[in-house]
Amino acid sequence: MIVKKNPINKEKEEERMKAFWENNPMKQKIEEQKRKDAEIAEEKKQQEELKNATTQYFFNIGERVFHEKLGIGHIADVIQIGDSTMYTIDFGKLGKKAMDAAYAHLKKF
């Protein structure tokens, strides 16, 4: 047996469902979470762009640099490999380290 609703009752039910979903607290929480996730993603994107912008400076041999974990060092060698720039940095007692310019996050000292 197939039950068919008359068009008026079907329309009323659709309106009730629409009203239910408009004022539904779960839907509001989901939408709020989506907005928060989008804001967090945008902030991360901006921070990543800022990090990448600060690594665009290229150092020359002999310059002093500061690395967050290793401290102060001197650029011993600069090697261009394809699109990447590699530094050999002498950190004194910690020894010489090879670092990619794009990921080293070096600061001029």
N, C-alpha and C. Protein backbone atom coordinates (compact mmCIF):
# COMPACT_ATOMS: atom_id res chain seq x y z
N MET A 1 0.84 -1.17 0.00
CA MET A 1 0.00 0.00 0.00
C MET A 1 0.89 1.25 0.00
N ILE A 2 0.64 2.14 -0.88
CA ILE A 2 1.39 3.37 -1.00
C ILE A 2 0.52 4.51 -0.51
N VAL A 3 1.09 5.30 0.41
CA VAL A 3 0.35 6.44 0.95
C VAL A 3 0.85 7.69 0.26
N LYS A 4 -0.08 8.43 -0.30
CA LYS A 4 0.26 9.69 -0.94
C LYS A 4 -0.33 10.82 -0.13
N LYS A 5 0.47 11.85 0.11
CA LYS A 5 -0.02 13.02 0.82
C LYS A 5 -0.62 13.98 -0.20
N ASN A 6 -1.65 14.64 0.26
CA ASN A 6 -2.20 15.62 -0.68
C ASN A 6 -1.25 16.81 -0.72
N PRO A 7 -1.22 17.55 -1.80
CA PRO A 7 -0.24 18.63 -1.99
C PRO A 7 -0.25 19.67 -0.87
N ILE A 8 -1.39 19.98 -0.29
CA ILE A 8 -1.46 20.99 0.77
C ILE A 8 -0.76 20.48 2.02
N ASN A 9 -1.03 19.23 2.42
CA ASN A 9 -0.36 18.65 3.59
C ASN A 9 1.13 18.50 3.37
N LYS A 10 1.51 18.13 2.16
CA LYS A 10 2.92 17.98 1.84
C LYS A 10 3.63 19.33 1.95
N GLU A 11 2.99 20.38 1.47
CA GLU A 11 3.57 21.72 1.53
C GLU A 11 3.69 22.19 2.98
N LYS A 12 2.69 21.93 3.81
CA LYS A 12 2.72 22.31 5.22
C LYS A 12 3.86 21.57 5.95
N GLU A 13 4.02 20.30 5.64
CA GLU A 13 5.10 19.52 6.28
C GLU A 13 6.46 20.06 5.88
N GLU A 14 6.63 20.41 4.61
CA GLU A 14 7.89 20.97 4.15
C GLU A 14 8.19 22.29 4.84
N GLU A 15 7.16 23.11 5.06
CA GLU A 15 7.34 24.38 5.76
C GLU A 15 7.74 24.15 7.21
N ARG A 16 7.11 23.16 7.87
CA ARG A 16 7.46 22.84 9.25
C ARG A 16 8.91 22.35 9.35
N MET A 17 9.32 21.52 8.41
CA MET A 17 10.69 21.00 8.42
C MET A 17 11.69 22.15 8.18
N LYS A 18 11.33 23.03 7.27
CA LYS A 18 12.20 24.16 6.99
C LYS A 18 12.34 25.04 8.24
N ALA A 19 11.23 25.32 8.91
CA ALA A 19 11.25 26.12 10.14
C ALA A 19 12.06 25.41 11.22
N PHE A 20 11.91 24.11 11.34
CA PHE A 20 12.65 23.33 12.33
C PHE A 20 14.16 23.47 12.09
N TRP A 21 14.61 23.33 10.86
CA TRP A 21 16.03 23.38 10.57
C TRP A 21 16.60 24.79 10.67
N GLU A 22 15.75 25.81 10.45
CA GLU A 22 16.25 27.18 10.58
C GLU A 22 16.59 27.51 12.02
N ASN A 23 15.82 27.03 12.97
CA ASN A 23 16.02 27.36 14.37
C ASN A 23 16.65 26.23 15.16
N ASN A 24 17.21 25.27 14.49
CA ASN A 24 17.77 24.10 15.14
C ASN A 24 19.11 24.45 15.78
N PRO A 25 19.27 24.22 17.10
CA PRO A 25 20.53 24.52 17.78
C PRO A 25 21.72 23.72 17.24
N MET A 26 21.50 22.47 16.84
CA MET A 26 22.59 21.66 16.30
C MET A 26 23.11 22.26 15.00
N LYS A 27 22.19 22.69 14.15
CA LYS A 27 22.60 23.30 12.89
C LYS A 27 23.39 24.58 13.16
N GLN A 28 22.93 25.36 14.13
CA GLN A 28 23.64 26.59 14.47
C GLN A 28 25.04 26.29 14.99
N LYS A 29 25.19 25.25 15.82
CA LYS A 29 26.51 24.88 16.33
C LYS A 29 27.42 24.42 15.20
N ILE A 30 26.87 23.63 14.29
CA ILE A 30 27.67 23.15 13.15
C ILE A 30 28.15 24.32 12.30
N GLU A 31 27.24 25.26 12.02
CA GLU A 31 27.62 26.42 11.22
C GLU A 31 28.65 27.28 11.94
N GLU A 32 28.49 27.43 13.26
CA GLU A 32 29.45 28.20 14.04
C GLU A 32 30.83 27.54 14.01
N GLN A 33 30.87 26.20 14.13
CA GLN A 33 32.13 25.47 14.08
C GLN A 33 32.79 25.61 12.71
N LYS A 34 31.97 25.58 11.66
CA LYS A 34 32.52 25.75 10.30
C LYS A 34 33.15 27.14 10.15
N ARG A 35 32.49 28.16 10.72
CA ARG A 35 33.05 29.52 10.65
C ARG A 35 34.36 29.60 11.41
N LYS A 36 34.40 28.99 12.61
CA LYS A 36 35.63 29.00 13.40
C LYS A 36 36.76 28.27 12.67
N ASP A 37 36.44 27.12 12.09
CA ASP A 37 37.45 26.35 11.34
C ASP A 37 37.99 27.17 10.16
N ALA A 38 37.10 27.88 9.48
CA ALA A 38 37.52 28.71 8.35
C ALA A 38 38.42 29.84 8.83
N GLU A 39 38.09 30.46 9.97
CA GLU A 39 38.92 31.53 10.51
C GLU A 39 40.30 31.01 10.91
N ILE A 40 40.34 29.85 11.55
CA ILE A 40 41.62 29.25 11.95
C ILE A 40 42.47 28.92 10.73
N ALA A 41 41.83 28.36 9.71
CA ALA A 41 42.56 28.02 8.48
C ALA A 41 43.12 29.28 7.83
N GLU A 42 42.35 30.36 7.83
CA GLU A 42 42.81 31.62 7.24
C GLU A 42 43.99 32.19 8.04
N GLU A 43 43.92 32.11 9.37
CA GLU A 43 45.03 32.59 10.20
C GLU A 43 46.29 31.79 9.94
N LYS A 44 46.16 30.46 9.84
CA LYS A 44 47.32 29.61 9.56
C LYS A 44 47.92 29.95 8.21
N LYS A 45 47.04 30.18 7.24
CA LYS A 45 47.52 30.53 5.89
C LYS A 45 48.29 31.84 5.92
N GLN A 46 47.78 32.83 6.65
CA GLN A 46 48.46 34.12 6.75
C GLN A 46 49.80 33.98 7.46
N GLN A 47 49.86 33.17 8.54
CA GLN A 47 51.11 32.95 9.26
C GLN A 47 52.13 32.26 8.37
N GLU A 48 51.68 31.29 7.59
CA GLU A 48 52.59 30.57 6.68
C GLU A 48 53.13 31.51 5.61
N GLU A 49 52.28 32.38 5.09
CA GLU A 49 52.72 33.35 4.09
C GLU A 49 53.75 34.31 4.70
N LEU A 50 53.52 34.70 5.96
CA LEU A 50 54.45 35.59 6.63
C LEU A 50 55.79 34.91 6.84
N LYS A 51 55.78 33.63 7.26
CA LYS A 51 57.03 32.87 7.42
C LYS A 51 57.78 32.80 6.10
N ASN A 52 57.05 32.48 5.03
CA ASN A 52 57.69 32.36 3.72
C ASN A 52 58.24 33.70 3.25
N ALA A 53 57.57 34.78 3.58
CA ALA A 53 58.03 36.10 3.18
C ALA A 53 59.33 36.47 3.89
N THR A 54 59.48 36.02 5.14
CA THR A 54 60.69 36.37 5.88
C THR A 54 61.90 35.55 5.43
N THR A 55 61.69 34.45 4.73
CA THR A 55 62.82 33.62 4.30
C THR A 55 63.30 34.00 2.90
N GLN A 56 62.79 35.07 2.35
CA GLN A 56 63.18 35.45 0.99
C GLN A 56 64.55 36.13 0.95
N TYR A 57 65.07 36.59 2.09
CA TYR A 57 66.40 37.20 2.12
C TYR A 57 67.45 36.11 2.03
N PHE A 58 68.43 36.29 1.16
CA PHE A 58 69.49 35.30 1.01
C PHE A 58 70.80 35.88 1.55
N PHE A 59 71.47 35.06 2.34
CA PHE A 59 72.70 35.49 2.98
C PHE A 59 73.90 35.18 2.09
N ASN A 60 74.99 35.90 2.35
CA ASN A 60 76.23 35.69 1.61
C ASN A 60 77.26 35.06 2.53
N ILE A 61 78.31 34.50 1.94
CA ILE A 61 79.39 33.89 2.71
C ILE A 61 79.99 34.93 3.65
N GLY A 62 80.20 34.52 4.91
CA GLY A 62 80.81 35.40 5.90
C GLY A 62 79.82 36.13 6.79
N GLU A 63 78.55 36.17 6.41
CA GLU A 63 77.55 36.88 7.23
C GLU A 63 77.23 36.08 8.48
N ARG A 64 76.92 36.82 9.55
CA ARG A 64 76.53 36.19 10.81
C ARG A 64 75.01 36.04 10.80
N VAL A 65 74.56 34.88 11.28
CA VAL A 65 73.12 34.60 11.31
C VAL A 65 72.74 34.05 12.67
N PHE A 66 71.44 34.11 12.97
CA PHE A 66 70.91 33.56 14.21
C PHE A 66 69.87 32.51 13.87
N HIS A 67 70.02 31.32 14.44
CA HIS A 67 69.04 30.24 14.29
C HIS A 67 68.40 30.02 15.65
N GLU A 68 67.09 29.84 15.67
CA GLU A 68 66.32 29.75 16.91
C GLU A 68 66.84 28.68 17.87
N LYS A 69 67.24 27.52 17.36
CA LYS A 69 67.68 26.43 18.23
C LYS A 69 69.20 26.32 18.35
N LEU A 70 69.91 26.67 17.29
CA LEU A 70 71.36 26.47 17.28
C LEU A 70 72.16 27.71 17.67
N GLY A 71 71.53 28.86 17.65
CA GLY A 71 72.21 30.09 18.06
C GLY A 71 72.87 30.83 16.92
N ILE A 72 74.01 31.46 17.23
CA ILE A 72 74.71 32.30 16.27
C ILE A 72 75.70 31.48 15.46
N GLY A 73 75.74 31.75 14.16
CA GLY A 73 76.68 31.06 13.28
C GLY A 73 77.13 31.96 12.16
N HIS A 74 78.09 31.47 11.39
CA HIS A 74 78.62 32.19 10.22
C HIS A 74 78.32 31.37 8.98
N ILE A 75 77.92 32.04 7.93
CA ILE A 75 77.68 31.36 6.65
C ILE A 75 79.04 30.98 6.08
N ALA A 76 79.28 29.68 5.92
CA ALA A 76 80.56 29.19 5.40
C ALA A 76 80.48 28.95 3.90
N ASP A 77 79.27 28.59 3.41
CA ASP A 77 79.13 28.29 1.99
C ASP A 77 77.67 28.47 1.57
N VAL A 78 77.48 28.90 0.33
CA VAL A 78 76.14 29.05 -0.23
C VAL A 78 76.11 28.26 -1.53
N ILE A 79 75.19 27.30 -1.62
CA ILE A 79 75.11 26.45 -2.81
C ILE A 79 73.70 26.54 -3.37
N GLN A 80 73.60 26.76 -4.67
CA GLN A 80 72.31 26.79 -5.36
C GLN A 80 72.07 25.41 -5.98
N ILE A 81 70.98 24.76 -5.56
CA ILE A 81 70.63 23.44 -6.10
C ILE A 81 69.22 23.56 -6.68
N GLY A 82 69.14 23.67 -7.98
CA GLY A 82 67.84 23.85 -8.63
C GLY A 82 67.23 25.16 -8.16
N ASP A 83 66.02 25.10 -7.61
CA ASP A 83 65.35 26.29 -7.08
C ASP A 83 65.69 26.55 -5.62
N SER A 84 66.41 25.63 -4.99
CA SER A 84 66.73 25.74 -3.56
C SER A 84 68.10 26.35 -3.35
N THR A 85 68.22 27.08 -2.25
CA THR A 85 69.51 27.61 -1.82
C THR A 85 69.87 26.92 -0.52
N MET A 86 71.05 26.31 -0.49
CA MET A 86 71.53 25.60 0.70
C MET A 86 72.67 26.39 1.32
N TYR A 87 72.64 26.51 2.66
CA TYR A 87 73.71 27.17 3.39
C TYR A 87 74.48 26.12 4.19
N THR A 88 75.78 26.31 4.25
CA THR A 88 76.59 25.58 5.22
C THR A 88 76.93 26.62 6.27
N ILE A 89 76.51 26.36 7.51
CA ILE A 89 76.65 27.34 8.57
C ILE A 89 77.52 26.75 9.68
N ASP A 90 78.54 27.51 10.08
CA ASP A 90 79.43 27.09 11.16
C ASP A 90 78.90 27.66 12.46
N PHE A 91 78.45 26.76 13.35
CA PHE A 91 77.91 27.17 14.65
C PHE A 91 78.94 26.98 15.78
N GLY A 92 80.20 27.02 15.44
CA GLY A 92 81.26 26.92 16.46
C GLY A 92 81.32 25.54 17.08
N LYS A 93 81.07 25.45 18.38
CA LYS A 93 81.15 24.18 19.11
C LYS A 93 80.12 23.17 18.62
N LEU A 94 79.02 23.64 18.07
CA LEU A 94 77.98 22.74 17.57
C LEU A 94 78.32 22.18 16.18
N GLY A 95 79.34 22.73 15.56
CA GLY A 95 79.79 22.22 14.27
C GLY A 95 79.13 22.90 13.09
N LYS A 96 79.41 22.37 11.91
CA LYS A 96 78.84 22.91 10.68
C LYS A 96 77.55 22.16 10.36
N LYS A 97 76.56 22.93 9.93
CA LYS A 97 75.26 22.36 9.59
C LYS A 97 74.87 22.84 8.20
N ALA A 98 74.25 21.94 7.43
CA ALA A 98 73.72 22.29 6.11
C ALA A 98 72.23 22.55 6.28
N MET A 99 71.76 23.69 5.76
CA MET A 99 70.35 24.06 5.91
C MET A 99 69.80 24.63 4.61
N ASP A 100 68.56 24.30 4.35
CA ASP A 100 67.86 24.86 3.20
C ASP A 100 67.36 26.25 3.58
N ALA A 101 67.61 27.24 2.75
CA ALA A 101 67.23 28.63 3.05
C ALA A 101 65.73 28.78 3.27
N ALA A 102 64.93 27.99 2.59
CA ALA A 102 63.48 28.12 2.70
C ALA A 102 62.96 27.63 4.05
N TYR A 103 63.68 26.74 4.72
CA TYR A 103 63.19 26.14 5.95
C TYR A 103 64.01 26.48 7.19
N ALA A 104 65.14 27.12 7.02
CA ALA A 104 66.05 27.37 8.15
C ALA A 104 65.53 28.48 9.07
N HIS A 105 64.75 29.42 8.55
CA HIS A 105 64.23 30.55 9.32
C HIS A 105 65.37 31.28 10.03
N LEU A 106 66.36 31.65 9.26
CA LEU A 106 67.52 32.36 9.81
C LEU A 106 67.22 33.84 9.90
N LYS A 107 67.87 34.48 10.88
CA LYS A 107 67.76 35.92 11.03
C LYS A 107 69.15 36.52 10.96
N LYS A 108 69.24 37.71 10.39
CA LYS A 108 70.54 38.39 10.31
C LYS A 108 70.95 38.80 11.70
N PHE A 109 72.24 38.58 12.05
CA PHE A 109 72.70 38.91 13.38
C PHE A 109 73.73 40.01 13.32
